[in-house]
Amino acid sequence: MQIRVYDEGAAQDCLFVLGWGNRCRHRNVQWLIDQLATAYRVHAVELPTHITDYQREWVGPVQEYAADIGRFDLLGHSAGGLTAAHLDADGIGNRVYLSPWWDSDFPVPGPVLDAIASLPMTKPFIPIDTLDADAIGDLATTQQLADAPSSVSPAFLRTVFRAQRSLPPARDTAAAFCSLTDTIVDPRAVGERLPADRIRLYDGGHELFSSSGREHTVETVLDALQRGPDAL
């Protein structure tokens, strides 16, 4: 896990947990960090890609780091939204989730997926062919697409399913942004966890910050981070 701090002198802190395969060097990720840095000292977390235990490799390290920040607002995208939803710290203020990976809409029956996930294998060999520009967003760069994971292991699927099925209740300070045309995560899971007045829809792909409509939405993201769900 890599954590990079962007400090332009802001008095507030934001812990930003990036999505699966996102890296700070990606142009569109950096664009969002730049927007956040106008109001926050940004702590950007790059999650490890191939894991076998979400608590040990995602949630635990982020929780340990967060304990040293003090008071902060929390932003999580995709797998970062899954990780952030499990965080429990006294210092967390408002929570904003961007296309959180709280469930998936795989074109495979659930029992078949569970059978695959039960295989005692940690090597990534199950191909993923959905992380393309049409799914991610029309501003997705060549580097983003090249860096995207191309396969997963049964152990990875198993621990992600456990993380999704053990989500704690949503907090009153939580808001979410998602696209109903998302083909990477299931937006229905957002509607099942949060009331409609704490969800803001946008037009675009899975990554708001890689979609051309981002300029129209980013101010609302910042407002929700700073003022909570009432900002929606």
Protein backbone atom coordinates (compact mmCIF):
# COMPACT_ATOMS: atom_id res chain seq x y z
CA MET A 1 0.00 0.00 0.00
CA GLN A 2 1.29 3.45 -0.95
CA ILE A 3 0.07 6.69 0.65
CA ARG A 4 0.98 10.06 -0.82
CA VAL A 5 0.29 13.38 0.90
CA TYR A 6 -0.55 16.52 -1.07
CA ASP A 7 -0.21 19.56 1.19
CA GLU A 8 -0.94 23.00 -0.22
CA GLY A 9 -1.41 24.51 3.22
CA ALA A 10 -5.07 23.64 3.83
CA ALA A 11 -6.20 23.34 7.44
CA GLN A 12 -8.47 20.33 6.85
CA ASP A 13 -7.50 16.75 6.02
CA CYS A 14 -9.10 14.39 3.53
CA LEU A 15 -8.29 10.69 3.37
CA PHE A 16 -8.89 9.60 -0.23
CA VAL A 17 -8.88 5.84 -0.79
CA LEU A 18 -8.39 5.20 -4.51
CA GLY A 19 -10.06 2.45 -6.48
CA TRP A 20 -8.70 -0.90 -7.57
CA GLY A 21 -5.84 -0.25 -9.98
CA ASN A 22 -5.97 3.55 -9.59
CA ARG A 23 -2.61 5.25 -9.12
CA CYS A 24 -1.78 8.83 -8.21
CA ARG A 25 0.31 9.11 -11.40
CA HIS A 26 -2.81 8.68 -13.52
CA ARG A 27 -3.77 12.01 -15.05
CA ASN A 28 -7.45 11.81 -14.11
CA VAL A 29 -6.74 10.74 -10.55
CA GLN A 30 -4.34 13.66 -10.26
CA TRP A 31 -7.05 15.96 -11.60
CA LEU A 32 -9.35 14.98 -8.73
CA ILE A 33 -6.55 15.26 -6.18
CA ASP A 34 -5.88 18.79 -7.44
CA GLN A 35 -9.55 19.69 -6.90
CA LEU A 36 -9.49 18.26 -3.39
CA ALA A 37 -6.24 20.06 -2.58
CA THR A 38 -7.96 23.44 -2.95
CA ALA A 39 -9.70 22.71 0.37
CA TYR A 40 -7.80 19.82 1.96
CA ARG A 41 -4.48 18.31 2.81
CA VAL A 42 -5.01 15.14 0.78
CA HIS A 43 -3.83 11.72 1.92
CA ALA A 44 -4.19 9.55 -1.20
CA VAL A 45 -4.15 5.79 -0.62
CA GLU A 46 -3.18 3.40 -3.43
CA LEU A 47 -4.57 -0.03 -2.61
CA PRO A 48 -2.56 -3.16 -3.44
CA THR A 49 -4.06 -4.92 -6.44
CA HIS A 50 -3.98 -8.66 -5.78
CA ILE A 51 -5.00 -9.43 -2.21
CA THR A 52 -6.27 -12.47 -0.32
CA ASP A 53 -7.54 -10.79 2.87
CA TYR A 54 -9.36 -7.44 2.69
CA GLN A 55 -9.08 -6.80 6.43
CA ARG A 56 -5.34 -7.43 6.60
CA GLU A 57 -4.35 -5.85 3.30
CA TRP A 58 -6.89 -3.07 2.73
CA VAL A 59 -8.87 -2.06 5.81
CA GLY A 60 -6.26 -2.64 8.52
CA PRO A 61 -3.42 -0.56 7.02
CA VAL A 62 -5.76 2.31 6.16
CA GLN A 63 -7.29 2.23 9.65
CA GLU A 64 -3.83 2.30 11.21
CA TYR A 65 -2.78 5.26 9.09
CA ALA A 66 -6.04 7.13 9.76
CA ALA A 67 -5.49 6.90 13.51
CA ASP A 68 -2.60 9.33 13.19
CA ILE A 69 -4.39 11.98 11.12
CA GLY A 70 -6.81 13.29 13.72
CA ARG A 71 -10.04 14.69 12.35
CA PHE A 72 -10.59 14.14 8.61
CA ASP A 73 -13.23 13.74 5.94
CA LEU A 74 -13.26 10.48 4.00
CA LEU A 75 -13.52 9.91 0.26
CA GLY A 76 -13.48 6.45 -1.32
CA HIS A 77 -13.80 5.39 -4.95
CA SER A 78 -14.88 1.89 -6.05
CA ALA A 79 -12.77 -0.62 -4.06
CA GLY A 80 -11.70 2.39 -2.03
CA GLY A 81 -15.38 2.94 -1.26
CA LEU A 82 -15.65 -0.67 -0.12
CA THR A 83 -12.58 -0.24 2.08
CA ALA A 84 -13.69 3.13 3.45
CA ALA A 85 -17.13 1.78 4.39
CA HIS A 86 -15.40 -0.62 6.79
CA LEU A 87 -13.35 2.11 8.50
CA ASP A 88 -14.33 3.02 12.03
CA ALA A 89 -12.37 5.85 13.65
CA ASP A 90 -13.29 8.69 15.98
CA GLY A 91 -11.70 11.22 13.64
CA ILE A 92 -13.89 10.51 10.60
CA GLY A 93 -16.17 13.39 9.70
CA ASN A 94 -18.16 13.28 6.49
CA ARG A 95 -18.00 10.30 4.13
CA VAL A 96 -18.38 10.47 0.37
CA TYR A 97 -18.33 7.42 -1.87
CA LEU A 98 -17.75 7.53 -5.63
CA SER A 99 -19.17 4.47 -7.41
CA PRO A 100 -18.51 2.28 -4.36
CA TRP A 101 -17.90 -1.40 -5.05
CA TRP A 102 -20.56 -2.62 -2.66
CA ASP A 103 -21.73 -5.27 -5.13
CA SER A 104 -21.11 -6.41 -8.70
CA ASP A 105 -23.45 -7.31 -11.50
CA PHE A 106 -21.48 -10.16 -13.04
CA PRO A 107 -23.11 -11.96 -15.99
CA VAL A 108 -22.59 -15.23 -14.09
CA PRO A 109 -25.01 -16.88 -11.63
CA GLY A 110 -24.16 -16.28 -7.97
CA PRO A 111 -23.66 -19.97 -7.12
CA VAL A 112 -21.17 -20.29 -9.98
CA LEU A 113 -19.23 -17.25 -8.74
CA ASP A 114 -19.20 -18.63 -5.21
CA ALA A 115 -17.89 -21.95 -6.51
CA ILE A 116 -15.08 -20.19 -8.39
CA ALA A 117 -14.25 -18.07 -5.36
CA SER A 118 -14.01 -21.17 -3.18
CA LEU A 119 -11.09 -22.59 -5.17
CA PRO A 120 -7.90 -22.65 -3.03
CA MET A 121 -5.89 -20.58 -5.48
CA THR A 122 -4.17 -17.21 -5.04
CA LYS A 123 -2.72 -16.78 -8.53
CA PRO A 124 -4.67 -14.36 -10.76
CA PHE A 125 -5.88 -16.28 -13.80
CA ILE A 126 -9.54 -15.33 -14.21
CA PRO A 127 -9.56 -12.75 -17.03
CA ILE A 128 -11.26 -9.37 -16.75
CA ASP A 129 -12.28 -7.72 -19.99
CA THR A 130 -14.60 -4.97 -18.72
CA LEU A 131 -12.06 -2.32 -17.69
CA ASP A 132 -12.06 -0.44 -20.98
CA ALA A 133 -12.63 3.22 -21.83
CA ASP A 134 -16.36 2.72 -22.42
CA ALA A 135 -16.76 1.38 -18.89
CA ILE A 136 -14.28 3.59 -17.04
CA GLY A 137 -15.04 6.94 -18.67
CA ASP A 138 -14.56 8.75 -21.93
CA LEU A 139 -11.49 10.61 -20.59
CA ALA A 140 -9.65 7.43 -19.63
CA THR A 141 -6.02 7.61 -20.74
CA THR A 142 -3.87 5.01 -22.43
CA GLN A 143 -1.78 4.70 -19.27
CA GLN A 144 -4.85 4.14 -17.11
CA LEU A 145 -6.05 1.36 -19.36
CA ALA A 146 -2.60 -0.22 -19.57
CA ASP A 147 -2.27 -0.21 -15.77
CA ALA A 148 -5.73 -1.69 -15.17
CA PRO A 149 -5.71 -5.21 -13.70
CA SER A 150 -6.35 -7.87 -16.33
CA SER A 151 -7.15 -10.85 -14.09
CA VAL A 152 -8.14 -11.88 -10.58
CA SER A 153 -7.65 -14.93 -8.39
CA PRO A 154 -10.31 -16.99 -6.62
CA ALA A 155 -8.82 -15.78 -3.32
CA PHE A 156 -9.32 -12.17 -4.42
CA LEU A 157 -12.94 -12.77 -5.34
CA ARG A 158 -13.51 -14.61 -2.07
CA THR A 159 -12.23 -11.80 0.12
CA VAL A 160 -14.07 -9.10 -1.87
CA PHE A 161 -17.33 -11.03 -1.51
CA ARG A 162 -16.69 -11.26 2.23
CA ALA A 163 -16.07 -7.54 2.41
CA GLN A 164 -19.28 -6.79 0.52
CA ARG A 165 -21.38 -9.17 2.59
CA SER A 166 -20.06 -7.87 5.92
CA LEU A 167 -20.51 -4.15 5.32
CA PRO A 168 -21.48 -2.29 8.48
CA PRO A 169 -24.59 -0.08 8.43
CA ALA A 170 -24.15 3.13 6.46
CA ARG A 171 -23.38 6.16 8.61
CA ASP A 172 -25.62 9.23 8.77
CA THR A 173 -22.74 11.34 7.46
CA ALA A 174 -22.42 9.32 4.24
CA ALA A 175 -23.29 10.39 0.69
CA ALA A 176 -22.61 8.71 -2.64
CA PHE A 177 -22.19 9.58 -6.30
CA CYS A 178 -22.83 6.97 -8.97
CA SER A 179 -23.88 6.41 -12.56
CA LEU A 180 -26.84 4.18 -13.37
CA THR A 181 -24.98 2.97 -16.46
CA ASP A 182 -22.03 1.67 -14.44
CA THR A 183 -20.99 -1.74 -15.78
CA ILE A 184 -18.17 -2.35 -13.30
CA VAL A 185 -20.03 -2.10 -9.99
CA ASP A 186 -23.74 -2.50 -9.32
CA PRO A 187 -25.33 0.90 -8.55
CA ARG A 188 -28.34 -0.88 -7.05
CA ALA A 189 -26.21 -1.67 -4.03
CA VAL A 190 -25.84 2.09 -3.40
CA GLY A 191 -29.60 2.52 -3.41
CA GLU A 192 -29.99 -0.37 -0.99
CA ARG A 193 -27.63 1.21 1.55
CA LEU A 194 -28.40 4.93 1.28
CA PRO A 195 -31.68 6.85 0.94
CA ALA A 196 -32.26 8.67 -2.34
CA ASP A 197 -31.62 12.11 -0.86
CA ARG A 198 -28.04 11.08 -0.05
CA ILE A 199 -27.26 9.87 -3.57
CA ARG A 200 -26.30 12.09 -6.50
CA LEU A 201 -26.36 10.61 -9.99
CA TYR A 202 -24.01 11.69 -12.76
CA ASP A 203 -23.69 10.93 -16.47
CA GLY A 204 -20.55 9.03 -17.30
CA GLY A 205 -18.57 5.91 -16.69
CA HIS A 206 -17.48 4.14 -13.53
CA GLU A 207 -14.93 6.84 -12.72
CA LEU A 208 -16.53 10.24 -12.27
CA PHE A 209 -13.08 11.84 -12.55
CA SER A 210 -12.49 10.10 -15.91
CA SER A 211 -15.83 11.25 -17.35
CA SER A 212 -16.31 14.44 -19.33
CA GLY A 213 -19.14 15.60 -17.07
CA ARG A 214 -16.80 15.78 -14.07
CA GLU A 215 -16.61 19.60 -14.10
CA HIS A 216 -20.35 19.78 -13.42
CA THR A 217 -20.16 17.46 -10.40
CA VAL A 218 -16.87 17.99 -8.61
CA GLU A 219 -18.04 21.07 -6.70
CA THR A 220 -20.92 19.04 -5.28
CA VAL A 221 -18.46 16.32 -4.26
CA LEU A 222 -16.42 18.91 -2.38
CA ASP A 223 -19.54 20.38 -0.78
CA ALA A 224 -20.65 16.94 0.41
CA LEU A 225 -17.21 16.28 1.85
CA GLN A 226 -17.12 19.59 3.70
CA ARG A 227 -20.77 19.97 4.72
CA GLY A 228 -22.13 16.44 4.69
CA PRO A 229 -25.14 14.89 2.88
CA ASP A 230 -27.23 18.04 3.36
CA ALA A 231 -25.07 19.62 0.65
CA LEU A 232 -26.84 17.42 -1.88
